[in-house]
């Protein structure tokens, strides 16, 4: 028969406030220390790529790398232990970034070339919007997310249309140029040309040589300017429909949803209590 530790739920609740939220002085301090460690790791990876610095400070860079990696590993494990549903956190946006920031260091033991992939840790600096809260940043970030979420169907239709268009244009250019131009020696190469031309990137590594091909290319270039404005207009219109609301950094321990209003008692996504210990103390 096992004995339940009555202090454990309270400890998890307290750690959850510190690690997952930035509304308390302790939580803000934790995130600031975390961001400092991320910056140290980030600049260490960059400076280590400079050969003279690597030759002179190789031991220091190695010490920094594994100290930060171990700290991040312990933090990641602690986050999984605190939340009610570890898998939900592990598959969340920040959970995936936290895991990806650890993998390159451990993979470098088997594949040294992956060592510099630790630069991905810079993505963890996205938490700065929670720390500086930086209320206005949190609000604006949610406005962006809402606008992008509401635009996803229109953007999907737009991307599907563009995909079909570049396939048709690429095939057409292959038919026109394929027999006389080595650059259009296959339909995939012609589609590649259509993509870089329609997006107005224009590397210039493949160019049409026939009069008909050049005429088609001119139409594609002009079409590219009008197409670029479409996704911008879609997202902009959704911004106009979005409404700014006051939010906090409070995170639901069950579904990891953020952006709750200051006086919220329940999660607006899953409906669970945001602070079970306050309503059902042990």
C-alpha atoms as a PDB file:
ATOM      1  CA  UNK A   1       0.000   0.000   0.000  1.00  0.00           C
ATOM      2  CA  UNK A   2       1.436   3.381  -1.022  1.00  0.00           C
ATOM      3  CA  UNK A   3       1.123   6.598   0.959  1.00  0.00           C
ATOM      4  CA  UNK A   4       0.252   9.740  -0.966  1.00  0.00           C
ATOM      5  CA  UNK A   5       2.434  12.741  -0.284  1.00  0.00           C
ATOM      6  CA  UNK A   6      -0.005  15.570   0.409  1.00  0.00           C
ATOM      7  CA  UNK A   7       2.606  18.231  -0.363  1.00  0.00           C
ATOM      8  CA  UNK A   8       3.253  16.998  -3.891  1.00  0.00           C
ATOM      9  CA  UNK A   9       0.249  18.588  -5.652  1.00  0.00           C
ATOM     10  CA  UNK A  10       0.985  21.907  -3.939  1.00  0.00           C
ATOM     11  CA  UNK A  11       4.642  21.675  -4.975  1.00  0.00           C
ATOM     12  CA  UNK A  12       3.683  20.998  -8.588  1.00  0.00           C
ATOM     13  CA  UNK A  13       1.266  23.890  -8.539  1.00  0.00           C
ATOM     14  CA  UNK A  14       3.938  26.237  -7.220  1.00  0.00           C
ATOM     15  CA  UNK A  15       6.515  25.043  -9.739  1.00  0.00           C
ATOM     16  CA  UNK A  16       3.934  25.404 -12.505  1.00  0.00           C
ATOM     17  CA  UNK A  17       3.486  29.080 -11.608  1.00  0.00           C
ATOM     18  CA  UNK A  18       7.242  29.651 -11.648  1.00  0.00           C
ATOM     19  CA  UNK A  19       8.172  27.681 -14.773  1.00  0.00           C
ATOM     20  CA  UNK A  20       5.161  28.120 -17.039  1.00  0.00           C
ATOM     21  CA  UNK A  21       3.971  31.608 -16.117  1.00  0.00           C
ATOM     22  CA  UNK A  22       5.559  35.037 -15.870  1.00  0.00           C
ATOM     23  CA  UNK A  23       2.967  36.838 -13.744  1.00  0.00           C
ATOM     24  CA  UNK A  24       4.905  36.414 -10.485  1.00  0.00           C
ATOM     25  CA  UNK A  25       8.368  37.785  -9.593  1.00  0.00           C
ATOM     26  CA  UNK A  26       9.682  34.217  -9.262  1.00  0.00           C
ATOM     27  CA  UNK A  27       8.273  33.219 -12.638  1.00  0.00           C
ATOM     28  CA  UNK A  28       9.706  36.279 -14.310  1.00  0.00           C
ATOM     29  CA  UNK A  29      13.115  35.686 -12.712  1.00  0.00           C
ATOM     30  CA  UNK A  30      13.106  32.062 -13.860  1.00  0.00           C
ATOM     31  CA  UNK A  31      12.352  33.049 -17.448  1.00  0.00           C
ATOM     32  CA  UNK A  32      14.999  35.789 -17.398  1.00  0.00           C
ATOM     33  CA  UNK A  33      17.629  33.305 -16.202  1.00  0.00           C
ATOM     34  CA  UNK A  34      16.462  30.873 -18.875  1.00  0.00           C
ATOM     35  CA  UNK A  35      16.778  33.522 -21.574  1.00  0.00           C
ATOM     36  CA  UNK A  36      20.262  34.408 -20.319  1.00  0.00           C
ATOM     37  CA  UNK A  37      21.328  30.753 -20.618  1.00  0.00           C
ATOM     38  CA  UNK A  38      19.877  30.608 -24.142  1.00  0.00           C
ATOM     39  CA  UNK A  39      21.843  33.686 -25.178  1.00  0.00           C
ATOM     40  CA  UNK A  40      25.070  32.311 -23.692  1.00  0.00           C
ATOM     41  CA  UNK A  41      24.589  29.047 -25.589  1.00  0.00           C
ATOM     42  CA  UNK A  42      23.670  30.903 -28.789  1.00  0.00           C
ATOM     43  CA  UNK A  43      26.750  33.120 -28.820  1.00  0.00           C
ATOM     44  CA  UNK A  44      28.996  30.225 -27.787  1.00  0.00           C
ATOM     45  CA  UNK A  45      27.908  28.244 -30.864  1.00  0.00           C
ATOM     46  CA  UNK A  46      28.475  31.252 -33.133  1.00  0.00           C
ATOM     47  CA  UNK A  47      31.900  32.128 -31.720  1.00  0.00           C
ATOM     48  CA  UNK A  48      33.015  28.504 -31.773  1.00  0.00           C
ATOM     49  CA  UNK A  49      32.609  28.469 -35.558  1.00  0.00           C
ATOM     50  CA  UNK A  50      35.420  31.067 -35.779  1.00  0.00           C
ATOM     51  CA  UNK A  51      38.506  28.885 -36.150  1.00  0.00           C
ATOM     52  CA  UNK A  52      40.993  31.023 -34.133  1.00  0.00           C
ATOM     53  CA  UNK A  53      38.529  31.253 -31.236  1.00  0.00           C
ATOM     54  CA  UNK A  54      37.786  27.539 -31.471  1.00  0.00           C
ATOM     55  CA  UNK A  55      41.481  26.670 -31.313  1.00  0.00           C
ATOM     56  CA  UNK A  56      42.058  28.924 -28.299  1.00  0.00           C
ATOM     57  CA  UNK A  57      38.881  28.375 -26.261  1.00  0.00           C
ATOM     58  CA  UNK A  58      37.741  24.894 -27.303  1.00  0.00           C
ATOM     59  CA  UNK A  59      37.576  23.653 -23.711  1.00  0.00           C
ATOM     60  CA  UNK A  60      35.551  26.673 -22.566  1.00  0.00           C
ATOM     61  CA  UNK A  61      33.070  26.276 -25.416  1.00  0.00           C
ATOM     62  CA  UNK A  62      32.687  22.578 -24.612  1.00  0.00           C
ATOM     63  CA  UNK A  63      32.085  23.338 -20.944  1.00  0.00           C
ATOM     64  CA  UNK A  64      29.444  25.967 -21.792  1.00  0.00           C
ATOM     65  CA  UNK A  65      27.744  23.669 -24.279  1.00  0.00           C
ATOM     66  CA  UNK A  66      27.274  20.739 -21.918  1.00  0.00           C
ATOM     67  CA  UNK A  67      26.488  22.854 -18.856  1.00  0.00           C
ATOM     68  CA  UNK A  68      23.635  24.547 -20.714  1.00  0.00           C
ATOM     69  CA  UNK A  69      22.549  21.247 -22.288  1.00  0.00           C
ATOM     70  CA  UNK A  70      22.315  19.527 -18.905  1.00  0.00           C
ATOM     71  CA  UNK A  71      20.401  22.474 -17.429  1.00  0.00           C
ATOM     72  CA  UNK A  72      17.984  22.459 -20.352  1.00  0.00           C
ATOM     73  CA  UNK A  73      17.551  18.698 -20.043  1.00  0.00           C
ATOM     74  CA  UNK A  74      16.675  18.959 -16.359  1.00  0.00           C
ATOM     75  CA  UNK A  75      14.297  21.838 -17.112  1.00  0.00           C
ATOM     76  CA  UNK A  76      12.584  19.829 -19.864  1.00  0.00           C
ATOM     77  CA  UNK A  77      12.145  16.810 -17.596  1.00  0.00           C
ATOM     78  CA  UNK A  78      10.796  19.076 -14.859  1.00  0.00           C
ATOM     79  CA  UNK A  79       8.257  20.581 -17.237  1.00  0.00           C
ATOM     80  CA  UNK A  80       7.053  17.107 -18.219  1.00  0.00           C
ATOM     81  CA  UNK A  81       6.722  16.137 -14.558  1.00  0.00           C
ATOM     82  CA  UNK A  82       4.765  19.260 -13.603  1.00  0.00           C
ATOM     83  CA  UNK A  83       2.057  19.228 -16.257  1.00  0.00           C
ATOM     84  CA  UNK A  84      -0.994  16.994 -16.013  1.00  0.00           C
ATOM     85  CA  UNK A  85      -0.549  15.642 -19.545  1.00  0.00           C
ATOM     86  CA  UNK A  86       3.156  15.368 -20.481  1.00  0.00           C
ATOM     87  CA  UNK A  87       2.429  14.224 -24.031  1.00  0.00           C
ATOM     88  CA  UNK A  88       0.295  17.317 -24.626  1.00  0.00           C
ATOM     89  CA  UNK A  89       3.186  19.542 -23.563  1.00  0.00           C
ATOM     90  CA  UNK A  90       5.773  17.520 -25.509  1.00  0.00           C
ATOM     91  CA  UNK A  91       3.762  17.989 -28.711  1.00  0.00           C
ATOM     92  CA  UNK A  92       2.950  21.667 -28.102  1.00  0.00           C
ATOM     93  CA  UNK A  93       4.777  24.473 -29.914  1.00  0.00           C
ATOM     94  CA  UNK A  94       7.163  25.305 -27.073  1.00  0.00           C
ATOM     95  CA  UNK A  95       7.494  21.638 -26.115  1.00  0.00           C
ATOM     96  CA  UNK A  96       8.762  20.726 -29.585  1.00  0.00           C
ATOM     97  CA  UNK A  97      11.175  23.669 -29.591  1.00  0.00           C
ATOM     98  CA  UNK A  98      12.499  22.672 -26.137  1.00  0.00           C
ATOM     99  CA  UNK A  99      13.124  19.123 -27.352  1.00  0.00           C
ATOM    100  CA  UNK A 100      14.758  20.236 -30.600  1.00  0.00           C
ATOM    101  CA  UNK A 101      17.099  22.483 -28.636  1.00  0.00           C
ATOM    102  CA  UNK A 102      18.408  19.413 -26.775  1.00  0.00           C
ATOM    103  CA  UNK A 103      18.741  16.856 -29.558  1.00  0.00           C
ATOM    104  CA  UNK A 104      21.701  18.379 -31.492  1.00  0.00           C
ATOM    105  CA  UNK A 105      23.982  18.203 -28.446  1.00  0.00           C
ATOM    106  CA  UNK A 106      23.267  14.523 -27.857  1.00  0.00           C
ATOM    107  CA  UNK A 107      23.320  13.676 -31.565  1.00  0.00           C
ATOM    108  CA  UNK A 108      26.743  15.328 -31.854  1.00  0.00           C
ATOM    109  CA  UNK A 109      28.145  12.472 -29.768  1.00  0.00           C
ATOM    110  CA  UNK A 110      27.390  10.189 -32.743  1.00  0.00           C
ATOM    111  CA  UNK A 111      27.331  12.724 -35.584  1.00  0.00           C
ATOM    112  CA  UNK A 112      29.695  15.647 -34.844  1.00  0.00           C
ATOM    113  CA  UNK A 113      28.344  17.616 -37.816  1.00  0.00           C
ATOM    114  CA  UNK A 114      25.060  18.173 -35.941  1.00  0.00           C
ATOM    115  CA  UNK A 115      26.882  20.133 -33.256  1.00  0.00           C
ATOM    116  CA  UNK A 116      26.185  23.528 -34.830  1.00  0.00           C
ATOM    117  CA  UNK A 117      22.465  22.763 -35.087  1.00  0.00           C
ATOM    118  CA  UNK A 118      22.319  23.863 -31.457  1.00  0.00           C
ATOM    119  CA  UNK A 119      21.785  27.317 -32.914  1.00  0.00           C
ATOM    120  CA  UNK A 120      18.100  26.326 -32.973  1.00  0.00           C
ATOM    121  CA  UNK A 121      18.075  27.199 -29.273  1.00  0.00           C
ATOM    122  CA  UNK A 122      17.600  30.799 -30.342  1.00  0.00           C
ATOM    123  CA  UNK A 123      13.936  29.894 -30.976  1.00  0.00           C
ATOM    124  CA  UNK A 124      13.501  29.540 -27.245  1.00  0.00           C
ATOM    125  CA  UNK A 125      13.893  33.306 -27.036  1.00  0.00           C
ATOM    126  CA  UNK A 126      10.279  33.492 -28.173  1.00  0.00           C
ATOM    127  CA  UNK A 127       9.525  33.219 -24.467  1.00  0.00           C
ATOM    128  CA  UNK A 128      10.743  36.782 -24.115  1.00  0.00           C
ATOM    129  CA  UNK A 129       7.230  37.919 -25.087  1.00  0.00           C
ATOM    130  CA  UNK A 130       5.951  36.178 -21.950  1.00  0.00           C
ATOM    131  CA  UNK A 131       8.598  37.646 -19.694  1.00  0.00           C
ATOM    132  CA  UNK A 132       8.499  41.264 -20.875  1.00  0.00           C
ATOM    133  CA  UNK A 133       4.761  41.024 -20.913  1.00  0.00           C
ATOM    134  CA  UNK A 134       4.717  42.524 -21.438  1.00  0.00           C
ATOM    135  CA  UNK A 135       1.130  42.728 -21.825  1.00  0.00           C
ATOM    136  CA  UNK A 136       1.115  44.582 -25.090  1.00  0.00           C
ATOM    137  CA  UNK A 137       3.432  42.015 -26.698  1.00  0.00           C
ATOM    138  CA  UNK A 138       1.298  39.129 -25.492  1.00  0.00           C
ATOM    139  CA  UNK A 139      -1.859  40.796 -26.800  1.00  0.00           C
ATOM    140  CA  UNK A 140      -0.294  41.575 -30.171  1.00  0.00           C
ATOM    141  CA  UNK A 141       1.093  38.075 -30.537  1.00  0.00           C
ATOM    142  CA  UNK A 142      -2.381  36.632 -29.989  1.00  0.00           C
ATOM    143  CA  UNK A 143      -3.806  39.011 -32.564  1.00  0.00           C
ATOM    144  CA  UNK A 144      -1.304  37.654 -35.071  1.00  0.00           C
ATOM    145  CA  UNK A 145      -2.120  34.056 -34.164  1.00  0.00           C
ATOM    146  CA  UNK A 146      -5.850  34.685 -34.427  1.00  0.00           C
ATOM    147  CA  UNK A 147      -5.461  36.389 -37.815  1.00  0.00           C
ATOM    148  CA  UNK A 148      -3.294  33.556 -39.154  1.00  0.00           C
ATOM    149  CA  UNK A 149      -5.654  30.924 -37.783  1.00  0.00           C
ATOM    150  CA  UNK A 150      -8.674  32.574 -39.377  1.00  0.00           C
ATOM    151  CA  UNK A 151      -6.783  32.902 -42.661  1.00  0.00           C
ATOM    152  CA  UNK A 152      -5.631  29.287 -42.882  1.00  0.00           C
ATOM    153  CA  UNK A 153      -8.410  28.081 -45.199  1.00  0.00           C
ATOM    154  CA  UNK A 154      -8.019  30.953 -47.628  1.00  0.00           C
ATOM    155  CA  UNK A 155      -4.239  30.607 -47.558  1.00  0.00           C
ATOM    156  CA  UNK A 156      -4.564  26.858 -48.170  1.00  0.00           C
ATOM    157  CA  UNK A 157      -6.764  27.459 -51.212  1.00  0.00           C
ATOM    158  CA  UNK A 158      -4.300  30.101 -52.416  1.00  0.00           C
ATOM    159  CA  UNK A 159      -1.313  27.754 -52.069  1.00  0.00           C
ATOM    160  CA  UNK A 160      -3.156  24.950 -53.851  1.00  0.00           C
ATOM    161  CA  UNK A 161      -3.976  27.329 -56.713  1.00  0.00           C
ATOM    162  CA  UNK A 162      -0.351  28.471 -56.947  1.00  0.00           C
ATOM    163  CA  UNK A 163       0.859  24.862 -56.903  1.00  0.00           C
ATOM    164  CA  UNK A 164      -1.401  23.991 -59.820  1.00  0.00           C
ATOM    165  CA  UNK A 165      -0.352  27.151 -61.645  1.00  0.00           C
ATOM    166  CA  UNK A 166       3.400  26.470 -61.407  1.00  0.00           C
ATOM    167  CA  UNK A 167       2.869  22.893 -62.576  1.00  0.00           C
ATOM    168  CA  UNK A 168       0.920  24.091 -65.624  1.00  0.00           C
ATOM    169  CA  UNK A 169       3.393  26.881 -66.385  1.00  0.00           C
ATOM    170  CA  UNK A 170       6.355  24.565 -65.908  1.00  0.00           C
ATOM    171  CA  UNK A 171       4.880  21.963 -68.223  1.00  0.00           C
ATOM    172  CA  UNK A 172       4.085  24.624 -70.808  1.00  0.00           C
ATOM    173  CA  UNK A 173       7.647  25.949 -70.721  1.00  0.00           C
ATOM    174  CA  UNK A 174       9.008  22.421 -71.033  1.00  0.00           C
ATOM    175  CA  UNK A 175       6.963  21.944 -74.199  1.00  0.00           C
ATOM    176  CA  UNK A 176       8.090  25.310 -75.620  1.00  0.00           C
ATOM    177  CA  UNK A 177      11.741  25.302 -74.533  1.00  0.00           C
ATOM    178  CA  UNK A 178      12.579  21.674 -73.866  1.00  0.00           C
ATOM    179  CA  UNK A 179      13.859  20.840 -77.356  1.00  0.00           C
ATOM    180  CA  UNK A 180      16.160  23.851 -77.717  1.00  0.00           C
ATOM    181  CA  UNK A 181      17.116  24.812 -74.141  1.00  0.00           C
ATOM    182  CA  UNK A 182      19.147  22.567 -71.814  1.00  0.00           C
ATOM    183  CA  UNK A 183      17.810  24.461 -68.806  1.00  0.00           C
ATOM    184  CA  UNK A 184      14.340  23.057 -69.441  1.00  0.00           C
ATOM    185  CA  UNK A 185      15.459  19.453 -69.875  1.00  0.00           C
ATOM    186  CA  UNK A 186      12.663  18.068 -67.649  1.00  0.00           C
ATOM    187  CA  UNK A 187       9.293  19.080 -66.267  1.00  0.00           C
ATOM    188  CA  UNK A 188      10.579  19.280 -62.636  1.00  0.00           C
ATOM    189  CA  UNK A 189      13.317  21.709 -63.760  1.00  0.00           C
ATOM    190  CA  UNK A 190      10.734  23.735 -65.646  1.00  0.00           C
ATOM    191  CA  UNK A 191       8.497  23.812 -62.540  1.00  0.00           C
ATOM    192  CA  UNK A 192      11.482  25.043 -60.533  1.00  0.00           C
ATOM    193  CA  UNK A 193      11.883  27.875 -63.056  1.00  0.00           C
ATOM    194  CA  UNK A 194       8.169  28.687 -62.778  1.00  0.00           C
ATOM    195  CA  UNK A 195       8.406  28.917 -58.977  1.00  0.00           C
ATOM    196  CA  UNK A 196      11.397  31.263 -58.855  1.00  0.00           C
ATOM    197  CA  UNK A 197       9.923  33.399 -61.653  1.00  0.00           C
ATOM    198  CA  UNK A 198       6.395  33.603 -60.256  1.00  0.00           C
ATOM    199  CA  UNK A 199       7.755  34.552 -56.812  1.00  0.00           C
ATOM    200  CA  UNK A 200       9.922  37.249 -58.479  1.00  0.00           C
ATOM    201  CA  UNK A 201      13.092  35.721 -56.992  1.00  0.00           C
ATOM    202  CA  UNK A 202      14.662  35.273 -60.421  1.00  0.00           C
ATOM    203  CA  UNK A 203      17.995  33.547 -59.825  1.00  0.00           C
ATOM    204  CA  UNK A 204      18.721  33.679 -63.552  1.00  0.00           C
ATOM    205  CA  UNK A 205      20.230  30.191 -63.673  1.00  0.00           C
ATOM    206  CA  UNK A 206      17.542  29.133 -66.187  1.00  0.00           C
ATOM    207  CA  UNK A 207      16.311  31.521 -68.862  1.00  0.00           C
ATOM    208  CA  UNK A 208      14.106  31.028 -71.958  1.00  0.00           C
ATOM    209  CA  UNK A 209      15.717  31.505 -75.359  1.00  0.00           C
ATOM    210  CA  UNK A 210      12.761  31.271 -77.733  1.00  0.00           C
ATOM    211  CA  UNK A 211      10.498  34.221 -78.486  1.00  0.00           C
ATOM    212  CA  UNK A 212       7.418  32.344 -77.292  1.00  0.00           C
ATOM    213  CA  UNK A 213       9.183  31.251 -74.115  1.00  0.00           C
ATOM    214  CA  UNK A 214      10.275  34.807 -73.367  1.00  0.00           C
ATOM    215  CA  UNK A 215       6.733  36.066 -73.911  1.00  0.00           C
ATOM    216  CA  UNK A 216       5.378  33.456 -71.485  1.00  0.00           C
ATOM    217  CA  UNK A 217       8.105  34.384 -68.999  1.00  0.00           C
ATOM    218  CA  UNK A 218       7.097  38.047 -69.218  1.00  0.00           C
ATOM    219  CA  UNK A 219       3.493  37.167 -68.415  1.00  0.00           C
ATOM    220  CA  UNK A 220       4.608  35.018 -65.477  1.00  0.00           C
ATOM    221  CA  UNK A 221       6.738  37.870 -64.079  1.00  0.00           C
ATOM    222  CA  UNK A 222       3.882  40.362 -64.256  1.00  0.00           C
ATOM    223  CA  UNK A 223       1.531  37.770 -62.759  1.00  0.00           C
ATOM    224  CA  UNK A 224       3.965  37.275 -59.891  1.00  0.00           C
ATOM    225  CA  UNK A 225       3.590  40.867 -58.698  1.00  0.00           C
ATOM    226  CA  UNK A 226      -0.169  40.543 -58.401  1.00  0.00           C
ATOM    227  CA  UNK A 227      -0.004  37.137 -56.712  1.00  0.00           C
ATOM    228  CA  UNK A 228       2.375  38.313 -53.963  1.00  0.00           C
ATOM    229  CA  UNK A 229      -0.259  40.766 -52.715  1.00  0.00           C
ATOM    230  CA  UNK A 230      -2.943  38.103 -52.265  1.00  0.00           C
ATOM    231  CA  UNK A 231      -1.791  36.428 -48.982  1.00  0.00           C
ATOM    232  CA  UNK A 232      -0.905  39.836 -47.544  1.00  0.00           C
ATOM    233  CA  UNK A 233      -4.419  41.075 -48.229  1.00  0.00           C
ATOM    234  CA  UNK A 234      -5.984  37.948 -46.734  1.00  0.00           C
ATOM    235  CA  UNK A 235      -4.083  38.231 -43.439  1.00  0.00           C
ATOM    236  CA  UNK A 236      -4.532  42.010 -43.282  1.00  0.00           C
ATOM    237  CA  UNK A 237      -8.297  41.687 -43.604  1.00  0.00           C
ATOM    238  CA  UNK A 238      -8.344  39.216 -40.722  1.00  0.00           C
ATOM    239  CA  UNK A 239      -6.332  41.644 -38.605  1.00  0.00           C
ATOM    240  CA  UNK A 240      -9.112  44.163 -39.078  1.00  0.00           C
ATOM    241  CA  UNK A 241     -11.667  41.683 -37.763  1.00  0.00           C
ATOM    242  CA  UNK A 242      -9.604  40.630 -34.742  1.00  0.00           C
ATOM    243  CA  UNK A 243     -10.205  42.300 -31.403  1.00  0.00           C
ATOM    244  CA  UNK A 244      -7.573  43.006 -28.778  1.00  0.00           C
ATOM    245  CA  UNK A 245      -8.260  41.452 -25.390  1.00  0.00           C
ATOM    246  CA  UNK A 246      -6.424  41.599 -22.087  1.00  0.00           C
ATOM    247  CA  UNK A 247      -4.546  38.347 -21.479  1.00  0.00           C
ATOM    248  CA  UNK A 248      -2.062  36.920 -19.016  1.00  0.00           C
ATOM    249  CA  UNK A 249       0.711  34.339 -19.293  1.00  0.00           C
ATOM    250  CA  UNK A 250      -1.312  31.890 -17.212  1.00  0.00           C
ATOM    251  CA  UNK A 251      -1.016  28.397 -18.719  1.00  0.00           C
ATOM    252  CA  UNK A 252      -3.553  25.621 -18.362  1.00  0.00           C
ATOM    253  CA  UNK A 253      -1.872  22.607 -16.679  1.00  0.00           C
ATOM    254  CA  UNK A 254      -4.086  20.218 -18.630  1.00  0.00           C
ATOM    255  CA  UNK A 255      -3.963  21.364 -22.275  1.00  0.00           C
ATOM    256  CA  UNK A 256      -1.110  23.927 -22.116  1.00  0.00           C
ATOM    257  CA  UNK A 257      -3.316  26.657 -23.594  1.00  0.00           C
ATOM    258  CA  UNK A 258      -2.208  30.238 -22.872  1.00  0.00           C
ATOM    259  CA  UNK A 259      -3.773  33.671 -23.259  1.00  0.00           C
ATOM    260  CA  UNK A 260      -6.433  33.587 -20.555  1.00  0.00           C
ATOM    261  CA  UNK A 261      -8.123  36.741 -19.334  1.00  0.00           C
ATOM    262  CA  UNK A 262      -6.925  38.028 -15.931  1.00  0.00           C
ATOM    263  CA  UNK A 263      -9.950  36.829 -13.909  1.00  0.00           C
ATOM    264  CA  UNK A 264     -10.397  33.476 -15.693  1.00  0.00           C
ATOM    265  CA  UNK A 265     -11.033  30.477 -13.425  1.00  0.00           C
ATOM    266  CA  UNK A 266     -11.418  27.911 -16.204  1.00  0.00           C
ATOM    267  CA  UNK A 267      -9.435  27.246 -19.365  1.00  0.00           C
ATOM    268  CA  UNK A 268     -11.175  28.676 -22.418  1.00  0.00           C
ATOM    269  CA  UNK A 269     -10.047  25.677 -24.478  1.00  0.00           C
ATOM    270  CA  UNK A 270     -10.512  22.520 -22.388  1.00  0.00           C
ATOM    271  CA  UNK A 271     -12.740  23.858 -19.566  1.00  0.00           C
ATOM    272  CA  UNK A 272     -10.539  22.574 -16.710  1.00  0.00           C
ATOM    273  CA  UNK A 273      -9.723  24.664 -13.651  1.00  0.00           C
ATOM    274  CA  UNK A 274      -6.654  26.814 -14.185  1.00  0.00           C
ATOM    275  CA  UNK A 275      -5.689  26.619 -10.514  1.00  0.00           C
ATOM    276  CA  UNK A 276      -7.099  23.431  -8.946  1.00  0.00           C
ATOM    277  CA  UNK A 277      -5.192  23.978  -5.704  1.00  0.00           C
ATOM    278  CA  UNK A 278      -7.002  27.246  -5.000  1.00  0.00           C
ATOM    279  CA  UNK A 279     -10.437  25.610  -5.325  1.00  0.00           C
ATOM    280  CA  UNK A 280      -9.630  22.167  -3.943  1.00  0.00           C
ATOM    281  CA  UNK A 281      -6.719  22.550  -1.511  1.00  0.00           C
ATOM    282  CA  UNK A 282      -5.145  19.342  -0.255  1.00  0.00           C
END
